């Protein structure tokens, strides 16, 4: 017997047919939470200084954190 595919998303609608909520599989929900956490980290680091790749590479090599072969 074949495997039944669950719907990706089920929408709850009001009397006018307007979507008011969504039911998603738990795996998809957990993926969305992880993405949201990643975005929050990115947003929190927005004001941190950035580094030129060449300078960062030199520093990492100097500190022994990156192979000299790279």
N, C-alpha and C. Protein backbone atom coordinates (compact mmCIF):
# COMPACT_ATOMS: atom_id res chain seq x y z
N UNK A 1 0.84 -1.18 0.00
CA UNK A 1 0.00 0.00 0.00
C UNK A 1 0.89 1.24 0.00
N UNK A 2 0.54 2.25 -0.78
CA UNK A 2 1.32 3.47 -0.90
C UNK A 2 1.21 4.37 0.32
N UNK A 3 2.20 5.21 0.45
CA UNK A 3 2.23 6.16 1.57
C UNK A 3 1.35 7.36 1.23
N UNK A 4 0.55 7.77 2.19
CA UNK A 4 -0.32 8.93 2.00
C UNK A 4 0.48 10.19 2.28
N UNK A 5 0.46 11.12 1.34
CA UNK A 5 1.19 12.37 1.51
C UNK A 5 0.31 13.36 2.28
N UNK A 6 0.89 13.87 3.37
CA UNK A 6 0.19 14.85 4.17
C UNK A 6 0.20 16.20 3.46
N UNK A 7 -0.85 16.99 3.61
CA UNK A 7 -0.84 18.32 3.00
C UNK A 7 0.26 19.17 3.62
N UNK A 8 0.88 20.02 2.82
CA UNK A 8 1.95 20.88 3.32
C UNK A 8 1.41 21.90 4.33
N UNK A 9 0.34 22.55 3.97
CA UNK A 9 -0.26 23.55 4.85
C UNK A 9 -1.77 23.50 4.72
N UNK A 10 -2.44 23.59 5.85
CA UNK A 10 -3.90 23.68 5.87
C UNK A 10 -4.24 25.05 6.44
N UNK A 11 -5.14 25.74 5.78
CA UNK A 11 -5.51 27.08 6.23
C UNK A 11 -6.86 27.05 6.92
N UNK A 12 -6.97 27.86 7.96
CA UNK A 12 -8.24 28.08 8.65
C UNK A 12 -8.76 29.42 8.11
N UNK A 13 -10.01 29.44 7.72
CA UNK A 13 -10.58 30.66 7.16
C UNK A 13 -11.78 31.11 7.97
N UNK A 14 -12.05 32.41 7.90
CA UNK A 14 -13.23 32.93 8.58
C UNK A 14 -14.45 32.79 7.67
N UNK A 15 -15.57 33.33 8.10
CA UNK A 15 -16.83 33.20 7.36
C UNK A 15 -16.74 33.83 5.97
N UNK A 16 -15.84 34.80 5.80
CA UNK A 16 -15.69 35.47 4.51
C UNK A 16 -14.65 34.79 3.62
N UNK A 17 -14.05 33.73 4.12
CA UNK A 17 -13.04 33.01 3.35
C UNK A 17 -11.64 33.57 3.51
N UNK A 18 -11.47 34.54 4.42
CA UNK A 18 -10.15 35.12 4.66
C UNK A 18 -9.34 34.18 5.55
N UNK A 19 -8.08 33.92 5.13
CA UNK A 19 -7.21 33.06 5.92
C UNK A 19 -6.90 33.73 7.25
N UNK A 20 -7.11 32.99 8.34
CA UNK A 20 -6.85 33.54 9.67
C UNK A 20 -5.79 32.77 10.44
N UNK A 21 -5.48 31.55 9.98
CA UNK A 21 -4.47 30.73 10.65
C UNK A 21 -3.99 29.66 9.68
N UNK A 22 -2.87 29.05 10.03
CA UNK A 22 -2.34 27.97 9.20
C UNK A 22 -1.87 26.83 10.09
N UNK A 23 -2.08 25.62 9.62
CA UNK A 23 -1.60 24.42 10.30
C UNK A 23 -0.53 23.81 9.39
N UNK A 24 0.69 23.70 9.92
CA UNK A 24 1.79 23.15 9.13
C UNK A 24 2.34 21.91 9.83
N UNK A 25 2.94 21.00 9.08
CA UNK A 25 3.57 19.83 9.71
C UNK A 25 4.65 20.28 10.69
N UNK A 26 4.82 19.52 11.76
CA UNK A 26 5.76 19.89 12.82
C UNK A 26 7.18 20.08 12.29
N UNK A 27 7.58 19.26 11.31
CA UNK A 27 8.92 19.39 10.74
C UNK A 27 9.09 20.77 10.08
N UNK A 28 8.09 21.20 9.35
CA UNK A 28 8.13 22.51 8.69
C UNK A 28 8.14 23.63 9.74
N UNK A 29 7.34 23.47 10.79
CA UNK A 29 7.29 24.45 11.88
C UNK A 29 8.68 24.58 12.53
N UNK A 30 9.34 23.46 12.79
CA UNK A 30 10.66 23.50 13.41
C UNK A 30 11.69 24.15 12.48
N UNK A 31 11.59 23.90 11.17
CA UNK A 31 12.46 24.56 10.20
C UNK A 31 12.25 26.08 10.23
N UNK A 32 11.00 26.49 10.29
CA UNK A 32 10.69 27.92 10.32
C UNK A 32 11.24 28.57 11.60
N UNK A 33 11.12 27.86 12.73
CA UNK A 33 11.67 28.39 13.98
C UNK A 33 13.19 28.54 13.89
N UNK A 34 13.85 27.55 13.31
CA UNK A 34 15.30 27.63 13.15
C UNK A 34 15.70 28.79 12.25
N UNK A 35 14.97 28.98 11.16
CA UNK A 35 15.23 30.11 10.27
C UNK A 35 15.04 31.44 11.00
N UNK A 36 14.00 31.52 11.81
CA UNK A 36 13.72 32.74 12.58
C UNK A 36 14.84 33.02 13.57
N UNK A 37 15.35 31.98 14.23
CA UNK A 37 16.47 32.15 15.16
C UNK A 37 17.72 32.63 14.42
N UNK A 38 17.97 32.05 13.24
CA UNK A 38 19.13 32.48 12.44
C UNK A 38 19.00 33.96 12.06
N UNK A 39 17.82 34.36 11.64
CA UNK A 39 17.61 35.76 11.27
C UNK A 39 17.78 36.70 12.47
N UNK A 40 17.36 36.24 13.65
CA UNK A 40 17.53 37.05 14.86
C UNK A 40 19.01 37.25 15.17
N UNK A 41 19.81 36.21 14.99
CA UNK A 41 21.25 36.32 15.22
C UNK A 41 21.86 37.29 14.21
N UNK A 42 21.47 37.17 12.96
CA UNK A 42 21.98 38.08 11.93
C UNK A 42 21.63 39.53 12.28
N UNK A 43 20.39 39.75 12.68
CA UNK A 43 19.96 41.11 13.03
C UNK A 43 20.73 41.64 14.24
N UNK A 44 21.01 40.78 15.22
CA UNK A 44 21.72 41.23 16.42
C UNK A 44 23.18 41.57 16.12
N UNK A 45 23.71 41.04 15.04
CA UNK A 45 25.12 41.28 14.69
C UNK A 45 25.28 42.35 13.61
N UNK A 46 24.20 42.99 13.25
CA UNK A 46 24.23 43.96 12.16
C UNK A 46 25.23 45.10 12.40
N UNK A 47 25.42 45.50 13.64
CA UNK A 47 26.31 46.62 13.94
C UNK A 47 27.75 46.20 14.23
N UNK A 48 28.01 44.88 14.19
CA UNK A 48 29.38 44.42 14.43
C UNK A 48 30.27 44.82 13.26
N UNK A 49 31.54 45.03 13.53
CA UNK A 49 32.45 45.41 12.44
C UNK A 49 32.61 44.27 11.44
N UNK A 50 32.90 44.63 10.21
CA UNK A 50 33.17 43.63 9.17
C UNK A 50 34.66 43.66 8.85
N UNK A 51 35.14 42.59 8.26
CA UNK A 51 36.55 42.47 7.96
C UNK A 51 36.74 42.08 6.50
N UNK A 52 37.77 42.62 5.91
CA UNK A 52 38.16 42.24 4.57
C UNK A 52 38.64 40.79 4.62
N UNK A 53 38.22 39.96 3.65
CA UNK A 53 38.56 38.54 3.65
C UNK A 53 40.08 38.32 3.67
N UNK A 54 40.83 39.10 2.91
CA UNK A 54 42.29 38.92 2.88
C UNK A 54 42.91 39.19 4.25
N UNK A 55 42.46 40.25 4.92
CA UNK A 55 42.99 40.57 6.24
C UNK A 55 42.60 39.52 7.27
N UNK A 56 41.36 39.05 7.20
CA UNK A 56 40.90 38.03 8.14
C UNK A 56 41.67 36.73 7.93
N UNK A 57 41.89 36.37 6.68
CA UNK A 57 42.63 35.15 6.35
C UNK A 57 44.05 35.23 6.92
N UNK A 58 44.70 36.38 6.76
CA UNK A 58 46.06 36.56 7.32
C UNK A 58 46.05 36.40 8.84
N UNK A 59 45.05 37.00 9.48
CA UNK A 59 44.97 36.93 10.95
C UNK A 59 44.74 35.49 11.41
N UNK A 60 43.86 34.77 10.74
CA UNK A 60 43.58 33.38 11.11
C UNK A 60 44.81 32.50 10.91
N UNK A 61 45.55 32.74 9.85
CA UNK A 61 46.79 31.99 9.62
C UNK A 61 47.81 32.32 10.70
N UNK A 62 47.95 33.61 11.00
CA UNK A 62 48.91 34.05 12.01
C UNK A 62 48.59 33.44 13.38
N UNK A 63 47.28 33.32 13.69
CA UNK A 63 46.86 32.77 14.97
C UNK A 63 46.81 31.23 14.97
N UNK A 64 47.17 30.62 13.84
CA UNK A 64 47.19 29.17 13.75
C UNK A 64 45.80 28.54 13.63
N UNK A 65 44.82 29.32 13.26
CA UNK A 65 43.45 28.82 13.14
C UNK A 65 43.08 28.44 11.71
N UNK A 66 43.99 28.73 10.78
CA UNK A 66 43.75 28.42 9.37
C UNK A 66 45.04 27.91 8.77
N UNK A 67 44.94 26.84 8.00
CA UNK A 67 46.12 26.25 7.37
C UNK A 67 46.75 27.24 6.40
N UNK A 68 48.05 27.19 6.31
CA UNK A 68 48.77 28.04 5.33
C UNK A 68 48.57 27.56 3.91
N UNK A 69 47.99 26.39 3.72
CA UNK A 69 47.74 25.84 2.39
C UNK A 69 46.58 26.55 1.70
N UNK A 70 45.76 27.23 2.45
CA UNK A 70 44.57 27.89 1.89
C UNK A 70 44.93 29.29 1.44
